[in-house]
C-alpha cells in the first residue's frame, strides 16, 4: 500500500505545485470556506485553545483570531505544496534574514548553535536557511505516523541541504561533527507536545500549565552551544522575514531550565503580538499534570 500511495501523493502535490502561487491562494481562499464553515476542521480544539489562552478576549475577539488562523492555515497548505517547485533563488527571495551577522559571528568563533523556534508563521520555509549560511544545518526530526506523509515531508525538508536527525541521535550527530571541526546549527521546533514518559518540566505558557521538551536545553548545555531564537514574521502572503535573537552565548553557563524558560517566553510574546500565526489546531495541552 505504501509503495502505491507515495507516488500518487507525490505526483498530485507536484502537479498542484505547477500552478502559480497566486492561483494557489485562490484555492486557499476556497479551502478556508470549506474547512471553517462546512467541515469545521478541529473547530472545538481551536476555540478551546484560544479561549484558555486569551481569557480576556470576548467571543467576537476569539472568533476573529480563529478565522485569521484558519486563513493562515490554508495558506500554509498551499505554500507547502508550492515549496516542492521553488528553486534556491525564489525561496531566498520569499524568506529574508534581517541580521545574518549574528549567525556569522558564531561561525567565525567556531561555536555550535542551537536555533529554537515554534510552529509559527511558515516554519516549513525555514528549511531554505542552509542556502544562506556556511554552517552544517541539522534539523531535529520527529517521524510522522503515516509512512507516506513521513517520506514526503522528509524529502521536502531536506531538499535545500538540511540534515534531518531524530532527537535521540541529535547529540551524537553534533558531537561527531564537533570532532571533525565542523560547526553545526541545529534547529529545534521546541513547542511540540512531549509524550508522557518524556514530560519532565512544566511551564506557564499561554495562561496554561504546559509540558515542554528539554532536549534543546540539554544538548545546548552539553556542547556549550550558543542559543538563538529564530523569530519569523509574516510580511504578506508568500513573504516572510526572520530575525536572529541571541539568547545565550554559552549555554553551559546557564542554570537549569533557564534556556527553556527563555525560549518559551519569546514564543509566547510573539504569539500574543499576532496570535493567528501559531498552530492552534494542534492539541498542545492534551497532557495534564498529575496533581497527586
Protein backbone atom coordinates (compact mmCIF):
# COMPACT_ATOMS: atom_id res chain seq x y z
CA UNK A 1 0.00 0.00 0.00
CA UNK A 2 2.82 2.40 0.92
CA UNK A 3 4.56 1.87 -2.42
CA UNK A 4 1.32 2.79 -4.21
CA UNK A 5 0.24 5.76 -2.10
CA UNK A 6 3.53 7.63 -2.07
CA UNK A 7 3.80 8.12 -5.86
CA UNK A 8 0.13 9.10 -6.07
CA UNK A 9 0.51 11.71 -3.35
CA UNK A 10 3.91 12.83 -4.63
CA UNK A 11 2.75 13.45 -8.18
CA UNK A 12 -0.54 15.00 -7.03
CA UNK A 13 1.36 17.56 -4.97
CA UNK A 14 3.86 18.04 -7.77
CA UNK A 15 1.01 18.69 -10.21
CA UNK A 16 -0.60 21.24 -7.87
CA UNK A 17 2.79 22.85 -7.43
CA UNK A 18 2.93 23.61 -11.16
CA UNK A 19 0.37 26.36 -10.71
CA UNK A 20 1.46 29.89 -9.80
CA UNK A 21 1.28 30.79 -6.13
CA UNK A 22 -1.33 33.46 -6.88
CA UNK A 23 -3.62 30.76 -8.23
CA UNK A 24 -2.95 28.54 -5.23
CA UNK A 25 -4.01 31.40 -2.95
CA UNK A 26 -7.38 31.34 -4.72
CA UNK A 27 -7.50 27.65 -3.82
CA UNK A 28 -6.56 28.63 -0.26
CA UNK A 29 -9.48 31.07 -0.02
CA UNK A 30 -11.90 28.39 -1.21
CA UNK A 31 -10.36 25.82 1.15
CA UNK A 32 -10.78 28.23 4.07
CA UNK A 33 -14.50 28.46 3.41
CA UNK A 34 -14.80 24.65 3.25
CA UNK A 35 -12.83 23.76 6.38
CA UNK A 36 -14.10 26.61 8.56
CA UNK A 37 -17.79 26.73 7.68
CA UNK A 38 -18.58 23.25 6.30
CA UNK A 39 -16.11 20.63 7.54
CA UNK A 40 -15.42 22.68 10.68
CA UNK A 41 -11.98 21.09 10.98
CA UNK A 42 -10.96 20.89 14.64
CA UNK A 43 -13.13 23.90 15.48
CA UNK A 44 -13.62 22.70 19.07
CA UNK A 45 -9.87 22.29 19.59
CA UNK A 46 -9.05 25.70 18.13
CA UNK A 47 -11.71 27.59 20.06
CA UNK A 48 -10.90 25.82 23.33
CA UNK A 49 -7.19 26.57 22.93
CA UNK A 50 -7.91 30.22 22.16
CA UNK A 51 -10.40 30.69 24.99
CA UNK A 52 -7.98 29.21 27.53
CA UNK A 53 -5.06 31.22 26.18
CA UNK A 54 -6.89 34.55 25.98
CA UNK A 55 -9.46 34.64 28.80
CA UNK A 56 -9.62 38.42 28.45
CA UNK A 57 -10.91 38.28 24.85
CA UNK A 58 -14.59 38.49 24.02
CA UNK A 59 -16.30 35.73 21.98
CA UNK A 60 -16.10 38.05 18.97
CA UNK A 61 -12.38 38.55 19.56
CA UNK A 62 -11.81 34.80 19.83
CA UNK A 63 -13.75 34.20 16.62
CA UNK A 64 -11.73 36.86 14.79
CA UNK A 65 -8.43 35.21 15.79
CA UNK A 66 -9.78 31.78 14.86
CA UNK A 67 -10.83 32.95 11.40
CA UNK A 68 -7.42 34.58 10.90
CA UNK A 69 -5.77 31.32 11.93
CA UNK A 70 -7.78 29.20 9.50
CA UNK A 71 -6.95 31.60 6.65
CA UNK A 72 -3.27 31.34 7.53
CA UNK A 73 -3.52 27.54 7.86
CA UNK A 74 -4.90 27.27 4.34
CA UNK A 75 -2.08 29.48 3.08
CA UNK A 76 0.37 27.13 4.81
CA UNK A 77 -1.12 24.17 2.96
CA UNK A 78 -0.76 25.71 -0.49
CA UNK A 79 2.65 27.18 0.33
CA UNK A 80 3.86 23.74 1.34
CA UNK A 81 2.58 22.35 -1.96
CA UNK A 82 4.28 25.17 -3.87
CA UNK A 83 7.52 24.63 -1.92
CA UNK A 84 8.17 21.49 -3.97
CA UNK A 85 8.77 23.58 -7.11
CA UNK A 86 10.61 26.53 -5.57
CA UNK A 87 14.20 26.96 -6.62
CA UNK A 88 17.00 28.33 -4.48
CA UNK A 89 16.67 31.91 -5.72
CA UNK A 90 12.93 32.04 -5.09
CA UNK A 91 12.98 30.72 -1.53
CA UNK A 92 15.77 33.16 -0.67
CA UNK A 93 13.59 35.95 -2.09
CA UNK A 94 10.50 34.87 -0.20
CA UNK A 95 12.24 34.37 3.16
CA UNK A 96 14.67 37.14 4.10
CA UNK A 97 17.05 37.08 7.06
CA UNK A 98 17.45 40.52 8.58
CA UNK A 99 20.63 40.15 10.64
CA UNK A 100 22.76 37.24 9.35
CA UNK A 101 25.81 38.81 11.02
CA UNK A 102 24.59 37.30 14.31
CA UNK A 103 24.98 33.79 12.94
CA UNK A 104 28.18 34.64 11.08
CA UNK A 105 29.78 35.85 14.34
CA UNK A 106 29.20 32.48 15.99
CA UNK A 107 30.50 30.67 12.90
CA UNK A 108 33.68 32.72 12.95
CA UNK A 109 34.13 31.74 16.61
CA UNK A 110 33.63 28.06 15.75
CA UNK A 111 30.54 27.85 18.00
CA UNK A 112 27.79 25.32 17.58
CA UNK A 113 24.36 26.98 17.63
CA UNK A 114 21.01 25.78 18.95
CA UNK A 115 18.29 27.52 16.93
CA UNK A 116 14.94 27.45 18.74
CA UNK A 117 11.57 28.37 17.27
CA UNK A 118 7.94 27.30 17.33
CA UNK A 119 5.21 26.29 14.89
CA UNK A 120 4.76 29.92 13.95
CA UNK A 121 4.31 31.57 10.54
CA UNK A 122 5.66 29.15 7.91
CA UNK A 123 8.27 27.02 9.65
CA UNK A 124 8.47 24.76 6.57
CA UNK A 125 10.11 27.51 4.53
CA UNK A 126 12.84 27.91 7.16
CA UNK A 127 14.40 24.82 5.58
CA UNK A 128 15.88 27.14 2.97
CA UNK A 129 18.21 28.53 5.64
CA UNK A 130 21.17 26.27 4.64
CA UNK A 131 21.38 28.29 1.42
CA UNK A 132 22.50 31.45 3.24
CA UNK A 133 24.93 30.05 5.82
CA UNK A 134 28.24 28.17 5.91
CA UNK A 135 27.05 26.13 8.92
CA UNK A 136 26.25 22.46 8.67
CA UNK A 137 22.49 22.61 9.26
CA UNK A 138 20.78 19.91 11.33
CA UNK A 139 17.04 19.70 11.88
CA UNK A 140 15.57 17.65 14.70
CA UNK A 141 13.06 15.36 13.09
CA UNK A 142 10.05 13.64 14.62
CA UNK A 143 8.82 10.79 12.46
CA UNK A 144 5.19 11.01 11.35
CA UNK A 145 2.83 8.11 11.89
CA UNK A 146 1.95 7.92 8.20
CA UNK A 147 4.84 6.47 6.21
CA UNK A 148 3.54 8.21 3.09
CA UNK A 149 3.47 11.69 4.62
CA UNK A 150 6.69 10.99 6.52
CA UNK A 151 8.61 10.23 3.33
CA UNK A 152 7.06 13.21 1.55
CA UNK A 153 7.89 15.67 4.34
CA UNK A 154 11.39 14.24 4.76
CA UNK A 155 12.13 14.84 1.09
CA UNK A 156 10.71 18.37 1.13
CA UNK A 157 12.54 19.43 4.29
CA UNK A 158 15.93 18.15 3.20
CA UNK A 159 15.98 19.37 -0.41
CA UNK A 160 17.94 22.58 0.33
CA UNK A 161 20.64 20.88 2.36
CA UNK A 162 19.28 20.40 5.89
CA UNK A 163 20.22 17.09 7.51
CA UNK A 164 17.23 15.61 9.32
CA UNK A 165 18.12 13.73 12.51
CA UNK A 166 15.87 12.07 15.14
CA UNK A 167 16.05 13.65 18.61
CA UNK A 168 17.64 10.52 20.13
CA UNK A 169 20.54 10.73 17.68
CA UNK A 170 20.98 14.51 17.70
CA UNK A 171 23.66 14.78 20.37
CA UNK A 172 25.79 12.05 18.80
CA UNK A 173 25.49 13.71 15.37
CA UNK A 174 26.58 17.13 16.72
CA UNK A 175 29.37 15.50 18.74
CA UNK A 176 30.68 13.70 15.64
CA UNK A 177 30.74 16.92 13.64
CA UNK A 178 32.47 18.65 16.56
CA UNK A 179 35.26 16.06 16.46
CA UNK A 180 35.69 16.79 12.76
CA UNK A 181 35.89 20.53 13.42
CA UNK A 182 32.63 21.24 11.57
CA UNK A 183 30.42 23.89 13.25
CA UNK A 184 26.72 22.99 13.28
CA UNK A 185 23.50 24.89 13.72
CA UNK A 186 20.66 22.69 14.95
CA UNK A 187 17.02 23.67 14.52
CA UNK A 188 14.73 22.78 17.43
CA UNK A 189 10.99 23.36 16.90
CA UNK A 190 10.51 23.43 20.63
CA UNK A 191 6.74 23.73 21.14
CA UNK A 192 5.77 20.15 20.36
CA UNK A 193 3.90 18.12 22.95
CA UNK A 194 6.19 15.62 24.71
CA UNK A 195 4.97 12.13 25.39
CA UNK A 196 4.01 11.28 28.96
CA UNK A 197 7.27 9.42 29.59
CA UNK A 198 9.33 12.43 28.46
CA UNK A 199 7.44 15.06 30.44
CA UNK A 200 9.95 16.35 32.97
CA UNK A 201 9.27 20.07 33.11
CA UNK A 202 6.19 22.27 33.15
CA UNK A 203 5.85 25.96 32.38
CA UNK A 204 3.11 28.57 32.42
CA UNK A 205 2.60 29.08 28.69
CA UNK A 206 -0.34 30.99 27.26
CA UNK A 207 -2.07 31.01 30.66
CA UNK A 208 -1.95 27.21 30.87
CA UNK A 209 0.12 24.58 32.64
CA UNK A 210 2.21 23.21 29.78
CA UNK A 211 4.70 20.32 29.47
CA UNK A 212 7.79 21.04 27.39
CA UNK A 213 10.68 19.16 25.87
CA UNK A 214 14.08 19.79 27.44
CA UNK A 215 16.06 18.42 24.51
CA UNK A 216 17.20 21.81 23.17
CA UNK A 217 18.48 22.92 26.57
CA UNK A 218 20.19 19.64 27.43
CA UNK A 219 22.04 19.33 24.13
CA UNK A 220 22.99 23.02 24.12
CA UNK A 221 24.46 22.76 27.62
CA UNK A 222 26.36 19.56 26.90
CA UNK A 223 28.01 21.09 23.82
CA UNK A 224 28.20 24.62 25.29
CA UNK A 225 26.33 25.93 22.25
CA UNK A 226 25.14 29.43 21.58
CA UNK A 227 21.34 29.66 21.74
CA UNK A 228 19.48 31.81 19.21
CA UNK A 229 15.74 32.36 18.86
CA UNK A 230 14.55 32.36 15.23
CA UNK A 231 11.77 34.96 15.18
CA UNK A 232 9.81 34.51 11.95
CA UNK A 233 7.28 37.16 10.90
CA UNK A 234 4.79 37.19 8.06
CA UNK A 235 5.20 40.27 5.88
CA UNK A 236 2.39 39.39 3.49
CA UNK A 237 1.14 36.34 1.63
CA UNK A 238 4.13 34.37 0.41
CA UNK A 239 6.76 36.53 2.09
CA UNK A 240 8.40 36.13 5.49
CA UNK A 241 11.32 37.56 7.39
CA UNK A 242 13.48 36.13 10.17
CA UNK A 243 15.26 37.97 12.96
CA UNK A 244 18.00 36.15 14.86
CA UNK A 245 17.70 36.95 18.57
CA UNK A 246 20.69 35.77 20.64
CA UNK A 247 19.62 34.31 23.97
CA UNK A 248 22.89 32.89 25.31
CA UNK A 249 26.47 32.81 24.04
CA UNK A 250 27.49 29.91 26.27
CA UNK A 251 24.73 27.52 27.22
CA UNK A 252 26.92 25.65 29.70
CA UNK A 253 26.97 28.72 31.95
CA UNK A 254 23.19 28.80 32.39
CA UNK A 255 21.21 27.40 35.29
CA UNK A 256 18.74 24.53 34.95
CA UNK A 257 15.65 25.41 32.92
CA UNK A 258 16.93 28.93 32.18
CA UNK A 259 17.21 28.29 28.44
CA UNK A 260 13.81 26.56 28.28
CA UNK A 261 12.09 29.38 30.15
CA UNK A 262 13.73 31.94 27.87
CA UNK A 263 12.70 30.44 24.53
CA UNK A 264 9.19 29.65 25.78
CA UNK A 265 8.80 33.28 26.86
CA UNK A 266 9.99 34.50 23.46
CA UNK A 267 7.45 32.36 21.64
CA UNK A 268 4.66 33.41 23.99
CA UNK A 269 5.43 37.09 23.36
CA UNK A 270 5.34 36.51 19.61
CA UNK A 271 2.01 34.68 19.82
CA UNK A 272 0.48 37.45 21.93
CA UNK A 273 1.53 40.02 19.33
CA UNK A 274 -0.01 38.15 16.36
CA UNK A 275 -1.86 35.05 17.58
CA UNK A 276 -3.31 33.99 14.23
CA UNK A 277 0.04 32.68 13.01
CA UNK A 278 0.52 29.92 15.61
CA UNK A 279 -0.68 26.31 15.23
CA UNK A 280 -3.92 26.43 17.23
CA UNK A 281 -5.40 23.23 15.78
CA UNK A 282 -2.65 21.24 17.50
CA UNK A 283 -3.74 19.53 20.75
CA UNK A 284 -0.92 21.21 22.66
CA UNK A 285 -2.49 20.79 26.09
CA UNK A 286 -3.75 17.21 25.86
CA UNK A 287 -1.37 16.08 28.65
CA UNK A 288 -2.35 17.18 32.15
CA UNK A 289 -0.08 17.29 35.14
CA UNK A 290 -0.67 14.56 37.72
CA UNK A 291 -1.51 16.73 40.72
CA UNK A 292 -1.30 13.80 43.09
